[in-house]
Amino acid sequence: MQQAVPEVRGAVWARLEARIERDIAQGLQPATPSAATLATLVIATIQGLSTLARDGMGREALSGVAKSALIAWPLDAGRRSVGQSYRQL
C-alpha cells in the first residue's frame, strides 16, 4: 500500500503535466512557470490541504489556503492569474 500511493501520485502528476503542456502548446497557458512546476504546485497544494484537514483545520481556513494558491496560477498567456479574480472575494 505504501508503495502504491507514490505511484498513483506520480501518475496524477504526469497527467497534470501533460495537460498543462498541451495548454502551453495551444497558447492557453504561458510557458513560464513550466508545466512541471505547475503540476507540482497542484500536487503540493492538495497534499498540504489534506494534511491540514486531517489535523483539524476548518473549511474556511482551508478555502483561504486554496484561494491563495490560485494566485500563483496563470490564467491566460501571462496576462492575468486565476488568483486575481479571487482577490475580490
Foldseek 3Di string as FASTA:
>chain_A
DVVVVVVVLVVQLVVQLVVVVVCCVVQFAAPPPDSSVVSVLVSVLVVVLVVVVVVPDDPVVNVVSVLVSQQPACGGNNPHTPSVVVVVD
